[in-house]
Amino acid sequence: GESISYTDIFSEQGPVVLGQCGVY
């Protein structure tokens, strides 16, 4: 996935984000 911010993850809106182990 592209660079993911906390805004992308901590939201009830928007699609599921893609990330590797470091994001999790």
PDBML (XML) file of the C-alpha atoms, coordinates in Angstrom:
<?xml version="1.0" encoding="UTF-8" ?>
<PDBx:datablock datablockName="MODEL"
   xmlns:PDBx="http://pdbml.pdb.org/schema/pdbx-v50.xsd"
   xmlns:xsi="http://www.w3.org/2001/XMLSchema-instance"
   xsi:schemaLocation="http://pdbml.pdb.org/schema/pdbx-v50.xsd pdbx-v50.xsd">
   <PDBx:atom_siteCategory>
      <PDBx:atom_site id="1">
         <PDBx:B_iso_or_equiv>0.00</PDBx:B_iso_or_equiv>
         <PDBx:Cartn_x>0.000</PDBx:Cartn_x>
         <PDBx:Cartn_y>0.000</PDBx:Cartn_y>
         <PDBx:Cartn_z>0.000</PDBx:Cartn_z>
         <PDBx:auth_asym_id>A</PDBx:auth_asym_id>
         <PDBx:auth_atom_id>CA</PDBx:auth_atom_id>
         <PDBx:auth_comp_id>GLY</PDBx:auth_comp_id>
         <PDBx:auth_seq_id>1</PDBx:auth_seq_id>
         <PDBx:group_PDB>ATOM</PDBx:group_PDB>
         <PDBx:label_alt_id xsi:nil="true" />
         <PDBx:label_asym_id>A</PDBx:label_asym_id>
         <PDBx:label_atom_id>CA</PDBx:label_atom_id>
         <PDBx:label_comp_id>GLY</PDBx:label_comp_id>
         <PDBx:label_entity_id>1</PDBx:label_entity_id>
         <PDBx:label_seq_id>1</PDBx:label_seq_id>
         <PDBx:occupancy>1.00</PDBx:occupancy>
         <PDBx:pdbx_PDB_model_num>1</PDBx:pdbx_PDB_model_num>
         <PDBx:type_symbol>C</PDBx:type_symbol>
      </PDBx:atom_site>
      <PDBx:atom_site id="2">
         <PDBx:B_iso_or_equiv>0.00</PDBx:B_iso_or_equiv>
         <PDBx:Cartn_x>0.957</PDBx:Cartn_x>
         <PDBx:Cartn_y>3.610</PDBx:Cartn_y>
         <PDBx:Cartn_z>-0.213</PDBx:Cartn_z>
         <PDBx:auth_asym_id>A</PDBx:auth_asym_id>
         <PDBx:auth_atom_id>CA</PDBx:auth_atom_id>
         <PDBx:auth_comp_id>GLU</PDBx:auth_comp_id>
         <PDBx:auth_seq_id>2</PDBx:auth_seq_id>
         <PDBx:group_PDB>ATOM</PDBx:group_PDB>
         <PDBx:label_alt_id xsi:nil="true" />
         <PDBx:label_asym_id>A</PDBx:label_asym_id>
         <PDBx:label_atom_id>CA</PDBx:label_atom_id>
         <PDBx:label_comp_id>GLU</PDBx:label_comp_id>
         <PDBx:label_entity_id>1</PDBx:label_entity_id>
         <PDBx:label_seq_id>2</PDBx:label_seq_id>
         <PDBx:occupancy>1.00</PDBx:occupancy>
         <PDBx:pdbx_PDB_model_num>1</PDBx:pdbx_PDB_model_num>
         <PDBx:type_symbol>C</PDBx:type_symbol>
      </PDBx:atom_site>
      <PDBx:atom_site id="3">
         <PDBx:B_iso_or_equiv>0.00</PDBx:B_iso_or_equiv>
         <PDBx:Cartn_x>2.062</PDBx:Cartn_x>
         <PDBx:Cartn_y>5.549</PDBx:Cartn_y>
         <PDBx:Cartn_z>2.827</PDBx:Cartn_z>
         <PDBx:auth_asym_id>A</PDBx:auth_asym_id>
         <PDBx:auth_atom_id>CA</PDBx:auth_atom_id>
         <PDBx:auth_comp_id>SER</PDBx:auth_comp_id>
         <PDBx:auth_seq_id>3</PDBx:auth_seq_id>
         <PDBx:group_PDB>ATOM</PDBx:group_PDB>
         <PDBx:label_alt_id xsi:nil="true" />
         <PDBx:label_asym_id>A</PDBx:label_asym_id>
         <PDBx:label_atom_id>CA</PDBx:label_atom_id>
         <PDBx:label_comp_id>SER</PDBx:label_comp_id>
         <PDBx:label_entity_id>1</PDBx:label_entity_id>
         <PDBx:label_seq_id>3</PDBx:label_seq_id>
         <PDBx:occupancy>1.00</PDBx:occupancy>
         <PDBx:pdbx_PDB_model_num>1</PDBx:pdbx_PDB_model_num>
         <PDBx:type_symbol>C</PDBx:type_symbol>
      </PDBx:atom_site>
      <PDBx:atom_site id="4">
         <PDBx:B_iso_or_equiv>0.00</PDBx:B_iso_or_equiv>
         <PDBx:Cartn_x>-0.690</PDBx:Cartn_x>
         <PDBx:Cartn_y>5.105</PDBx:Cartn_y>
         <PDBx:Cartn_z>5.386</PDBx:Cartn_z>
         <PDBx:auth_asym_id>A</PDBx:auth_asym_id>
         <PDBx:auth_atom_id>CA</PDBx:auth_atom_id>
         <PDBx:auth_comp_id>ILE</PDBx:auth_comp_id>
         <PDBx:auth_seq_id>4</PDBx:auth_seq_id>
         <PDBx:group_PDB>ATOM</PDBx:group_PDB>
         <PDBx:label_alt_id xsi:nil="true" />
         <PDBx:label_asym_id>A</PDBx:label_asym_id>
         <PDBx:label_atom_id>CA</PDBx:label_atom_id>
         <PDBx:label_comp_id>ILE</PDBx:label_comp_id>
         <PDBx:label_entity_id>1</PDBx:label_entity_id>
         <PDBx:label_seq_id>4</PDBx:label_seq_id>
         <PDBx:occupancy>1.00</PDBx:occupancy>
         <PDBx:pdbx_PDB_model_num>1</PDBx:pdbx_PDB_model_num>
         <PDBx:type_symbol>C</PDBx:type_symbol>
      </PDBx:atom_site>
      <PDBx:atom_site id="5">
         <PDBx:B_iso_or_equiv>0.00</PDBx:B_iso_or_equiv>
         <PDBx:Cartn_x>-1.467</PDBx:Cartn_x>
         <PDBx:Cartn_y>7.625</PDBx:Cartn_y>
         <PDBx:Cartn_z>8.113</PDBx:Cartn_z>
         <PDBx:auth_asym_id>A</PDBx:auth_asym_id>
         <PDBx:auth_atom_id>CA</PDBx:auth_atom_id>
         <PDBx:auth_comp_id>SER</PDBx:auth_comp_id>
         <PDBx:auth_seq_id>5</PDBx:auth_seq_id>
         <PDBx:group_PDB>ATOM</PDBx:group_PDB>
         <PDBx:label_alt_id xsi:nil="true" />
         <PDBx:label_asym_id>A</PDBx:label_asym_id>
         <PDBx:label_atom_id>CA</PDBx:label_atom_id>
         <PDBx:label_comp_id>SER</PDBx:label_comp_id>
         <PDBx:label_entity_id>1</PDBx:label_entity_id>
         <PDBx:label_seq_id>5</PDBx:label_seq_id>
         <PDBx:occupancy>1.00</PDBx:occupancy>
         <PDBx:pdbx_PDB_model_num>1</PDBx:pdbx_PDB_model_num>
         <PDBx:type_symbol>C</PDBx:type_symbol>
      </PDBx:atom_site>
      <PDBx:atom_site id="6">
         <PDBx:B_iso_or_equiv>0.00</PDBx:B_iso_or_equiv>
         <PDBx:Cartn_x>-3.387</PDBx:Cartn_x>
         <PDBx:Cartn_y>7.160</PDBx:Cartn_y>
         <PDBx:Cartn_z>11.330</PDBx:Cartn_z>
         <PDBx:auth_asym_id>A</PDBx:auth_asym_id>
         <PDBx:auth_atom_id>CA</PDBx:auth_atom_id>
         <PDBx:auth_comp_id>TYR</PDBx:auth_comp_id>
         <PDBx:auth_seq_id>6</PDBx:auth_seq_id>
         <PDBx:group_PDB>ATOM</PDBx:group_PDB>
         <PDBx:label_alt_id xsi:nil="true" />
         <PDBx:label_asym_id>A</PDBx:label_asym_id>
         <PDBx:label_atom_id>CA</PDBx:label_atom_id>
         <PDBx:label_comp_id>TYR</PDBx:label_comp_id>
         <PDBx:label_entity_id>1</PDBx:label_entity_id>
         <PDBx:label_seq_id>6</PDBx:label_seq_id>
         <PDBx:occupancy>1.00</PDBx:occupancy>
         <PDBx:pdbx_PDB_model_num>1</PDBx:pdbx_PDB_model_num>
         <PDBx:type_symbol>C</PDBx:type_symbol>
      </PDBx:atom_site>
      <PDBx:atom_site id="7">
         <PDBx:B_iso_or_equiv>0.00</PDBx:B_iso_or_equiv>
         <PDBx:Cartn_x>-6.236</PDBx:Cartn_x>
         <PDBx:Cartn_y>9.095</PDBx:Cartn_y>
         <PDBx:Cartn_z>9.694</PDBx:Cartn_z>
         <PDBx:auth_asym_id>A</PDBx:auth_asym_id>
         <PDBx:auth_atom_id>CA</PDBx:auth_atom_id>
         <PDBx:auth_comp_id>THR</PDBx:auth_comp_id>
         <PDBx:auth_seq_id>7</PDBx:auth_seq_id>
         <PDBx:group_PDB>ATOM</PDBx:group_PDB>
         <PDBx:label_alt_id xsi:nil="true" />
         <PDBx:label_asym_id>A</PDBx:label_asym_id>
         <PDBx:label_atom_id>CA</PDBx:label_atom_id>
         <PDBx:label_comp_id>THR</PDBx:label_comp_id>
         <PDBx:label_entity_id>1</PDBx:label_entity_id>
         <PDBx:label_seq_id>7</PDBx:label_seq_id>
         <PDBx:occupancy>1.00</PDBx:occupancy>
         <PDBx:pdbx_PDB_model_num>1</PDBx:pdbx_PDB_model_num>
         <PDBx:type_symbol>C</PDBx:type_symbol>
      </PDBx:atom_site>
      <PDBx:atom_site id="8">
         <PDBx:B_iso_or_equiv>0.00</PDBx:B_iso_or_equiv>
         <PDBx:Cartn_x>-6.610</PDBx:Cartn_x>
         <PDBx:Cartn_y>6.264</PDBx:Cartn_y>
         <PDBx:Cartn_z>7.178</PDBx:Cartn_z>
         <PDBx:auth_asym_id>A</PDBx:auth_asym_id>
         <PDBx:auth_atom_id>CA</PDBx:auth_atom_id>
         <PDBx:auth_comp_id>ASP</PDBx:auth_comp_id>
         <PDBx:auth_seq_id>8</PDBx:auth_seq_id>
         <PDBx:group_PDB>ATOM</PDBx:group_PDB>
         <PDBx:label_alt_id xsi:nil="true" />
         <PDBx:label_asym_id>A</PDBx:label_asym_id>
         <PDBx:label_atom_id>CA</PDBx:label_atom_id>
         <PDBx:label_comp_id>ASP</PDBx:label_comp_id>
         <PDBx:label_entity_id>1</PDBx:label_entity_id>
         <PDBx:label_seq_id>8</PDBx:label_seq_id>
         <PDBx:occupancy>1.00</PDBx:occupancy>
         <PDBx:pdbx_PDB_model_num>1</PDBx:pdbx_PDB_model_num>
         <PDBx:type_symbol>C</PDBx:type_symbol>
      </PDBx:atom_site>
      <PDBx:atom_site id="9">
         <PDBx:B_iso_or_equiv>0.00</PDBx:B_iso_or_equiv>
         <PDBx:Cartn_x>-6.720</PDBx:Cartn_x>
         <PDBx:Cartn_y>3.560</PDBx:Cartn_y>
         <PDBx:Cartn_z>9.860</PDBx:Cartn_z>
         <PDBx:auth_asym_id>A</PDBx:auth_asym_id>
         <PDBx:auth_atom_id>CA</PDBx:auth_atom_id>
         <PDBx:auth_comp_id>ILE</PDBx:auth_comp_id>
         <PDBx:auth_seq_id>9</PDBx:auth_seq_id>
         <PDBx:group_PDB>ATOM</PDBx:group_PDB>
         <PDBx:label_alt_id xsi:nil="true" />
         <PDBx:label_asym_id>A</PDBx:label_asym_id>
         <PDBx:label_atom_id>CA</PDBx:label_atom_id>
         <PDBx:label_comp_id>ILE</PDBx:label_comp_id>
         <PDBx:label_entity_id>1</PDBx:label_entity_id>
         <PDBx:label_seq_id>9</PDBx:label_seq_id>
         <PDBx:occupancy>1.00</PDBx:occupancy>
         <PDBx:pdbx_PDB_model_num>1</PDBx:pdbx_PDB_model_num>
         <PDBx:type_symbol>C</PDBx:type_symbol>
      </PDBx:atom_site>
      <PDBx:atom_site id="10">
         <PDBx:B_iso_or_equiv>0.00</PDBx:B_iso_or_equiv>
         <PDBx:Cartn_x>-8.606</PDBx:Cartn_x>
         <PDBx:Cartn_y>5.206</PDBx:Cartn_y>
         <PDBx:Cartn_z>12.701</PDBx:Cartn_z>
         <PDBx:auth_asym_id>A</PDBx:auth_asym_id>
         <PDBx:auth_atom_id>CA</PDBx:auth_atom_id>
         <PDBx:auth_comp_id>PHE</PDBx:auth_comp_id>
         <PDBx:auth_seq_id>10</PDBx:auth_seq_id>
         <PDBx:group_PDB>ATOM</PDBx:group_PDB>
         <PDBx:label_alt_id xsi:nil="true" />
         <PDBx:label_asym_id>A</PDBx:label_asym_id>
         <PDBx:label_atom_id>CA</PDBx:label_atom_id>
         <PDBx:label_comp_id>PHE</PDBx:label_comp_id>
         <PDBx:label_entity_id>1</PDBx:label_entity_id>
         <PDBx:label_seq_id>10</PDBx:label_seq_id>
         <PDBx:occupancy>1.00</PDBx:occupancy>
         <PDBx:pdbx_PDB_model_num>1</PDBx:pdbx_PDB_model_num>
         <PDBx:type_symbol>C</PDBx:type_symbol>
      </PDBx:atom_site>
      <PDBx:atom_site id="11">
         <PDBx:B_iso_or_equiv>0.00</PDBx:B_iso_or_equiv>
         <PDBx:Cartn_x>-11.790</PDBx:Cartn_x>
         <PDBx:Cartn_y>6.054</PDBx:Cartn_y>
         <PDBx:Cartn_z>10.887</PDBx:Cartn_z>
         <PDBx:auth_asym_id>A</PDBx:auth_asym_id>
         <PDBx:auth_atom_id>CA</PDBx:auth_atom_id>
         <PDBx:auth_comp_id>SER</PDBx:auth_comp_id>
         <PDBx:auth_seq_id>11</PDBx:auth_seq_id>
         <PDBx:group_PDB>ATOM</PDBx:group_PDB>
         <PDBx:label_alt_id xsi:nil="true" />
         <PDBx:label_asym_id>A</PDBx:label_asym_id>
         <PDBx:label_atom_id>CA</PDBx:label_atom_id>
         <PDBx:label_comp_id>SER</PDBx:label_comp_id>
         <PDBx:label_entity_id>1</PDBx:label_entity_id>
         <PDBx:label_seq_id>11</PDBx:label_seq_id>
         <PDBx:occupancy>1.00</PDBx:occupancy>
         <PDBx:pdbx_PDB_model_num>1</PDBx:pdbx_PDB_model_num>
         <PDBx:type_symbol>C</PDBx:type_symbol>
      </PDBx:atom_site>
      <PDBx:atom_site id="12">
         <PDBx:B_iso_or_equiv>0.00</PDBx:B_iso_or_equiv>
         <PDBx:Cartn_x>-15.160</PDBx:Cartn_x>
         <PDBx:Cartn_y>4.425</PDBx:Cartn_y>
         <PDBx:Cartn_z>10.439</PDBx:Cartn_z>
         <PDBx:auth_asym_id>A</PDBx:auth_asym_id>
         <PDBx:auth_atom_id>CA</PDBx:auth_atom_id>
         <PDBx:auth_comp_id>GLU</PDBx:auth_comp_id>
         <PDBx:auth_seq_id>12</PDBx:auth_seq_id>
         <PDBx:group_PDB>ATOM</PDBx:group_PDB>
         <PDBx:label_alt_id xsi:nil="true" />
         <PDBx:label_asym_id>A</PDBx:label_asym_id>
         <PDBx:label_atom_id>CA</PDBx:label_atom_id>
         <PDBx:label_comp_id>GLU</PDBx:label_comp_id>
         <PDBx:label_entity_id>1</PDBx:label_entity_id>
         <PDBx:label_seq_id>12</PDBx:label_seq_id>
         <PDBx:occupancy>1.00</PDBx:occupancy>
         <PDBx:pdbx_PDB_model_num>1</PDBx:pdbx_PDB_model_num>
         <PDBx:type_symbol>C</PDBx:type_symbol>
      </PDBx:atom_site>
      <PDBx:atom_site id="13">
         <PDBx:B_iso_or_equiv>0.00</PDBx:B_iso_or_equiv>
         <PDBx:Cartn_x>-15.401</PDBx:Cartn_x>
         <PDBx:Cartn_y>5.915</PDBx:Cartn_y>
         <PDBx:Cartn_z>6.986</PDBx:Cartn_z>
         <PDBx:auth_asym_id>A</PDBx:auth_asym_id>
         <PDBx:auth_atom_id>CA</PDBx:auth_atom_id>
         <PDBx:auth_comp_id>GLN</PDBx:auth_comp_id>
         <PDBx:auth_seq_id>13</PDBx:auth_seq_id>
         <PDBx:group_PDB>ATOM</PDBx:group_PDB>
         <PDBx:label_alt_id xsi:nil="true" />
         <PDBx:label_asym_id>A</PDBx:label_asym_id>
         <PDBx:label_atom_id>CA</PDBx:label_atom_id>
         <PDBx:label_comp_id>GLN</PDBx:label_comp_id>
         <PDBx:label_entity_id>1</PDBx:label_entity_id>
         <PDBx:label_seq_id>13</PDBx:label_seq_id>
         <PDBx:occupancy>1.00</PDBx:occupancy>
         <PDBx:pdbx_PDB_model_num>1</PDBx:pdbx_PDB_model_num>
         <PDBx:type_symbol>C</PDBx:type_symbol>
      </PDBx:atom_site>
      <PDBx:atom_site id="14">
         <PDBx:B_iso_or_equiv>0.00</PDBx:B_iso_or_equiv>
         <PDBx:Cartn_x>-13.569</PDBx:Cartn_x>
         <PDBx:Cartn_y>4.881</PDBx:Cartn_y>
         <PDBx:Cartn_z>3.856</PDBx:Cartn_z>
         <PDBx:auth_asym_id>A</PDBx:auth_asym_id>
         <PDBx:auth_atom_id>CA</PDBx:auth_atom_id>
         <PDBx:auth_comp_id>GLY</PDBx:auth_comp_id>
         <PDBx:auth_seq_id>14</PDBx:auth_seq_id>
         <PDBx:group_PDB>ATOM</PDBx:group_PDB>
         <PDBx:label_alt_id xsi:nil="true" />
         <PDBx:label_asym_id>A</PDBx:label_asym_id>
         <PDBx:label_atom_id>CA</PDBx:label_atom_id>
         <PDBx:label_comp_id>GLY</PDBx:label_comp_id>
         <PDBx:label_entity_id>1</PDBx:label_entity_id>
         <PDBx:label_seq_id>14</PDBx:label_seq_id>
         <PDBx:occupancy>1.00</PDBx:occupancy>
         <PDBx:pdbx_PDB_model_num>1</PDBx:pdbx_PDB_model_num>
         <PDBx:type_symbol>C</PDBx:type_symbol>
      </PDBx:atom_site>
      <PDBx:atom_site id="15">
         <PDBx:B_iso_or_equiv>0.00</PDBx:B_iso_or_equiv>
         <PDBx:Cartn_x>-12.294</PDBx:Cartn_x>
         <PDBx:Cartn_y>1.588</PDBx:Cartn_y>
         <PDBx:Cartn_z>2.482</PDBx:Cartn_z>
         <PDBx:auth_asym_id>A</PDBx:auth_asym_id>
         <PDBx:auth_atom_id>CA</PDBx:auth_atom_id>
         <PDBx:auth_comp_id>PRO</PDBx:auth_comp_id>
         <PDBx:auth_seq_id>15</PDBx:auth_seq_id>
         <PDBx:group_PDB>ATOM</PDBx:group_PDB>
         <PDBx:label_alt_id xsi:nil="true" />
         <PDBx:label_asym_id>A</PDBx:label_asym_id>
         <PDBx:label_atom_id>CA</PDBx:label_atom_id>
         <PDBx:label_comp_id>PRO</PDBx:label_comp_id>
         <PDBx:label_entity_id>1</PDBx:label_entity_id>
         <PDBx:label_seq_id>15</PDBx:label_seq_id>
         <PDBx:occupancy>1.00</PDBx:occupancy>
         <PDBx:pdbx_PDB_model_num>1</PDBx:pdbx_PDB_model_num>
         <PDBx:type_symbol>C</PDBx:type_symbol>
      </PDBx:atom_site>
      <PDBx:atom_site id="16">
         <PDBx:B_iso_or_equiv>0.00</PDBx:B_iso_or_equiv>
         <PDBx:Cartn_x>-10.102</PDBx:Cartn_x>
         <PDBx:Cartn_y>-0.959</PDBx:Cartn_y>
         <PDBx:Cartn_z>4.208</PDBx:Cartn_z>
         <PDBx:auth_asym_id>A</PDBx:auth_asym_id>
         <PDBx:auth_atom_id>CA</PDBx:auth_atom_id>
         <PDBx:auth_comp_id>VAL</PDBx:auth_comp_id>
         <PDBx:auth_seq_id>16</PDBx:auth_seq_id>
         <PDBx:group_PDB>ATOM</PDBx:group_PDB>
         <PDBx:label_alt_id xsi:nil="true" />
         <PDBx:label_asym_id>A</PDBx:label_asym_id>
         <PDBx:label_atom_id>CA</PDBx:label_atom_id>
         <PDBx:label_comp_id>VAL</PDBx:label_comp_id>
         <PDBx:label_entity_id>1</PDBx:label_entity_id>
         <PDBx:label_seq_id>16</PDBx:label_seq_id>
         <PDBx:occupancy>1.00</PDBx:occupancy>
         <PDBx:pdbx_PDB_model_num>1</PDBx:pdbx_PDB_model_num>
         <PDBx:type_symbol>C</PDBx:type_symbol>
      </PDBx:atom_site>
      <PDBx:atom_site id="17">
         <PDBx:B_iso_or_equiv>0.00</PDBx:B_iso_or_equiv>
         <PDBx:Cartn_x>-6.458</PDBx:Cartn_x>
         <PDBx:Cartn_y>0.119</PDBx:Cartn_y>
         <PDBx:Cartn_z>3.943</PDBx:Cartn_z>
         <PDBx:auth_asym_id>A</PDBx:auth_asym_id>
         <PDBx:auth_atom_id>CA</PDBx:auth_atom_id>
         <PDBx:auth_comp_id>VAL</PDBx:auth_comp_id>
         <PDBx:auth_seq_id>17</PDBx:auth_seq_id>
         <PDBx:group_PDB>ATOM</PDBx:group_PDB>
         <PDBx:label_alt_id xsi:nil="true" />
         <PDBx:label_asym_id>A</PDBx:label_asym_id>
         <PDBx:label_atom_id>CA</PDBx:label_atom_id>
         <PDBx:label_comp_id>VAL</PDBx:label_comp_id>
         <PDBx:label_entity_id>1</PDBx:label_entity_id>
         <PDBx:label_seq_id>17</PDBx:label_seq_id>
         <PDBx:occupancy>1.00</PDBx:occupancy>
         <PDBx:pdbx_PDB_model_num>1</PDBx:pdbx_PDB_model_num>
         <PDBx:type_symbol>C</PDBx:type_symbol>
      </PDBx:atom_site>
      <PDBx:atom_site id="18">
         <PDBx:B_iso_or_equiv>0.00</PDBx:B_iso_or_equiv>
         <PDBx:Cartn_x>-3.569</PDBx:Cartn_x>
         <PDBx:Cartn_y>-1.993</PDBx:Cartn_y>
         <PDBx:Cartn_z>2.675</PDBx:Cartn_z>
         <PDBx:auth_asym_id>A</PDBx:auth_asym_id>
         <PDBx:auth_atom_id>CA</PDBx:auth_atom_id>
         <PDBx:auth_comp_id>LEU</PDBx:auth_comp_id>
         <PDBx:auth_seq_id>18</PDBx:auth_seq_id>
         <PDBx:group_PDB>ATOM</PDBx:group_PDB>
         <PDBx:label_alt_id xsi:nil="true" />
         <PDBx:label_asym_id>A</PDBx:label_asym_id>
         <PDBx:label_atom_id>CA</PDBx:label_atom_id>
         <PDBx:label_comp_id>LEU</PDBx:label_comp_id>
         <PDBx:label_entity_id>1</PDBx:label_entity_id>
         <PDBx:label_seq_id>18</PDBx:label_seq_id>
         <PDBx:occupancy>1.00</PDBx:occupancy>
         <PDBx:pdbx_PDB_model_num>1</PDBx:pdbx_PDB_model_num>
         <PDBx:type_symbol>C</PDBx:type_symbol>
      </PDBx:atom_site>
      <PDBx:atom_site id="19">
         <PDBx:B_iso_or_equiv>0.00</PDBx:B_iso_or_equiv>
         <PDBx:Cartn_x>-0.386</PDBx:Cartn_x>
         <PDBx:Cartn_y>-2.431</PDBx:Cartn_y>
         <PDBx:Cartn_z>4.649</PDBx:Cartn_z>
         <PDBx:auth_asym_id>A</PDBx:auth_asym_id>
         <PDBx:auth_atom_id>CA</PDBx:auth_atom_id>
         <PDBx:auth_comp_id>GLY</PDBx:auth_comp_id>
         <PDBx:auth_seq_id>19</PDBx:auth_seq_id>
         <PDBx:group_PDB>ATOM</PDBx:group_PDB>
         <PDBx:label_alt_id xsi:nil="true" />
         <PDBx:label_asym_id>A</PDBx:label_asym_id>
         <PDBx:label_atom_id>CA</PDBx:label_atom_id>
         <PDBx:label_comp_id>GLY</PDBx:label_comp_id>
         <PDBx:label_entity_id>1</PDBx:label_entity_id>
         <PDBx:label_seq_id>19</PDBx:label_seq_id>
         <PDBx:occupancy>1.00</PDBx:occupancy>
         <PDBx:pdbx_PDB_model_num>1</PDBx:pdbx_PDB_model_num>
         <PDBx:type_symbol>C</PDBx:type_symbol>
      </PDBx:atom_site>
      <PDBx:atom_site id="20">
         <PDBx:B_iso_or_equiv>0.00</PDBx:B_iso_or_equiv>
         <PDBx:Cartn_x>2.421</PDBx:Cartn_x>
         <PDBx:Cartn_y>-4.791</PDBx:Cartn_y>
         <PDBx:Cartn_z>5.512</PDBx:Cartn_z>
         <PDBx:auth_asym_id>A</PDBx:auth_asym_id>
         <PDBx:auth_atom_id>CA</PDBx:auth_atom_id>
         <PDBx:auth_comp_id>GLN</PDBx:auth_comp_id>
         <PDBx:auth_seq_id>20</PDBx:auth_seq_id>
         <PDBx:group_PDB>ATOM</PDBx:group_PDB>
         <PDBx:label_alt_id xsi:nil="true" />
         <PDBx:label_asym_id>A</PDBx:label_asym_id>
         <PDBx:label_atom_id>CA</PDBx:label_atom_id>
         <PDBx:label_comp_id>GLN</PDBx:label_comp_id>
         <PDBx:label_entity_id>1</PDBx:label_entity_id>
         <PDBx:label_seq_id>20</PDBx:label_seq_id>
         <PDBx:occupancy>1.00</PDBx:occupancy>
         <PDBx:pdbx_PDB_model_num>1</PDBx:pdbx_PDB_model_num>
         <PDBx:type_symbol>C</PDBx:type_symbol>
      </PDBx:atom_site>
      <PDBx:atom_site id="21">
         <PDBx:B_iso_or_equiv>0.00</PDBx:B_iso_or_equiv>
         <PDBx:Cartn_x>3.439</PDBx:Cartn_x>
         <PDBx:Cartn_y>-6.008</PDBx:Cartn_y>
         <PDBx:Cartn_z>8.962</PDBx:Cartn_z>
         <PDBx:auth_asym_id>A</PDBx:auth_asym_id>
         <PDBx:auth_atom_id>CA</PDBx:auth_atom_id>
         <PDBx:auth_comp_id>CYS</PDBx:auth_comp_id>
         <PDBx:auth_seq_id>21</PDBx:auth_seq_id>
         <PDBx:group_PDB>ATOM</PDBx:group_PDB>
         <PDBx:label_alt_id xsi:nil="true" />
         <PDBx:label_asym_id>A</PDBx:label_asym_id>
         <PDBx:label_atom_id>CA</PDBx:label_atom_id>
         <PDBx:label_comp_id>CYS</PDBx:label_comp_id>
         <PDBx:label_entity_id>1</PDBx:label_entity_id>
         <PDBx:label_seq_id>21</PDBx:label_seq_id>
         <PDBx:occupancy>1.00</PDBx:occupancy>
         <PDBx:pdbx_PDB_model_num>1</PDBx:pdbx_PDB_model_num>
         <PDBx:type_symbol>C</PDBx:type_symbol>
      </PDBx:atom_site>
      <PDBx:atom_site id="22">
         <PDBx:B_iso_or_equiv>0.00</PDBx:B_iso_or_equiv>
         <PDBx:Cartn_x>4.883</PDBx:Cartn_x>
         <PDBx:Cartn_y>-2.645</PDBx:Cartn_y>
         <PDBx:Cartn_z>10.035</PDBx:Cartn_z>
         <PDBx:auth_asym_id>A</PDBx:auth_asym_id>
         <PDBx:auth_atom_id>CA</PDBx:auth_atom_id>
         <PDBx:auth_comp_id>GLY</PDBx:auth_comp_id>
         <PDBx:auth_seq_id>22</PDBx:auth_seq_id>
         <PDBx:group_PDB>ATOM</PDBx:group_PDB>
         <PDBx:label_alt_id xsi:nil="true" />
         <PDBx:label_asym_id>A</PDBx:label_asym_id>
         <PDBx:label_atom_id>CA</PDBx:label_atom_id>
         <PDBx:label_comp_id>GLY</PDBx:label_comp_id>
         <PDBx:label_entity_id>1</PDBx:label_entity_id>
         <PDBx:label_seq_id>22</PDBx:label_seq_id>
         <PDBx:occupancy>1.00</PDBx:occupancy>
         <PDBx:pdbx_PDB_model_num>1</PDBx:pdbx_PDB_model_num>
         <PDBx:type_symbol>C</PDBx:type_symbol>
      </PDBx:atom_site>
      <PDBx:atom_site id="23">
         <PDBx:B_iso_or_equiv>0.00</PDBx:B_iso_or_equiv>
         <PDBx:Cartn_x>1.480</PDBx:Cartn_x>
         <PDBx:Cartn_y>-0.991</PDBx:Cartn_y>
         <PDBx:Cartn_z>9.600</PDBx:Cartn_z>
         <PDBx:auth_asym_id>A</PDBx:auth_asym_id>
         <PDBx:auth_atom_id>CA</PDBx:auth_atom_id>
         <PDBx:auth_comp_id>VAL</PDBx:auth_comp_id>
         <PDBx:auth_seq_id>23</PDBx:auth_seq_id>
         <PDBx:group_PDB>ATOM</PDBx:group_PDB>
         <PDBx:label_alt_id xsi:nil="true" />
         <PDBx:label_asym_id>A</PDBx:label_asym_id>
         <PDBx:label_atom_id>CA</PDBx:label_atom_id>
         <PDBx:label_comp_id>VAL</PDBx:label_comp_id>
         <PDBx:label_entity_id>1</PDBx:label_entity_id>
         <PDBx:label_seq_id>23</PDBx:label_seq_id>
         <PDBx:occupancy>1.00</PDBx:occupancy>
         <PDBx:pdbx_PDB_model_num>1</PDBx:pdbx_PDB_model_num>
         <PDBx:type_symbol>C</PDBx:type_symbol>
      </PDBx:atom_site>
      <PDBx:atom_site id="24">
         <PDBx:B_iso_or_equiv>0.00</PDBx:B_iso_or_equiv>
         <PDBx:Cartn_x>-0.252</PDBx:Cartn_x>
         <PDBx:Cartn_y>-3.603</PDBx:Cartn_y>
         <PDBx:Cartn_z>11.756</PDBx:Cartn_z>
         <PDBx:auth_asym_id>A</PDBx:auth_asym_id>
         <PDBx:auth_atom_id>CA</PDBx:auth_atom_id>
         <PDBx:auth_comp_id>TYR</PDBx:auth_comp_id>
         <PDBx:auth_seq_id>24</PDBx:auth_seq_id>
         <PDBx:group_PDB>ATOM</PDBx:group_PDB>
         <PDBx:label_alt_id xsi:nil="true" />
         <PDBx:label_asym_id>A</PDBx:label_asym_id>
         <PDBx:label_atom_id>CA</PDBx:label_atom_id>
         <PDBx:label_comp_id>TYR</PDBx:label_comp_id>
         <PDBx:label_entity_id>1</PDBx:label_entity_id>
         <PDBx:label_seq_id>24</PDBx:label_seq_id>
         <PDBx:occupancy>1.00</PDBx:occupancy>
         <PDBx:pdbx_PDB_model_num>1</PDBx:pdbx_PDB_model_num>
         <PDBx:type_symbol>C</PDBx:type_symbol>
      </PDBx:atom_site>
   </PDBx:atom_siteCategory>
</PDBx:datablock>
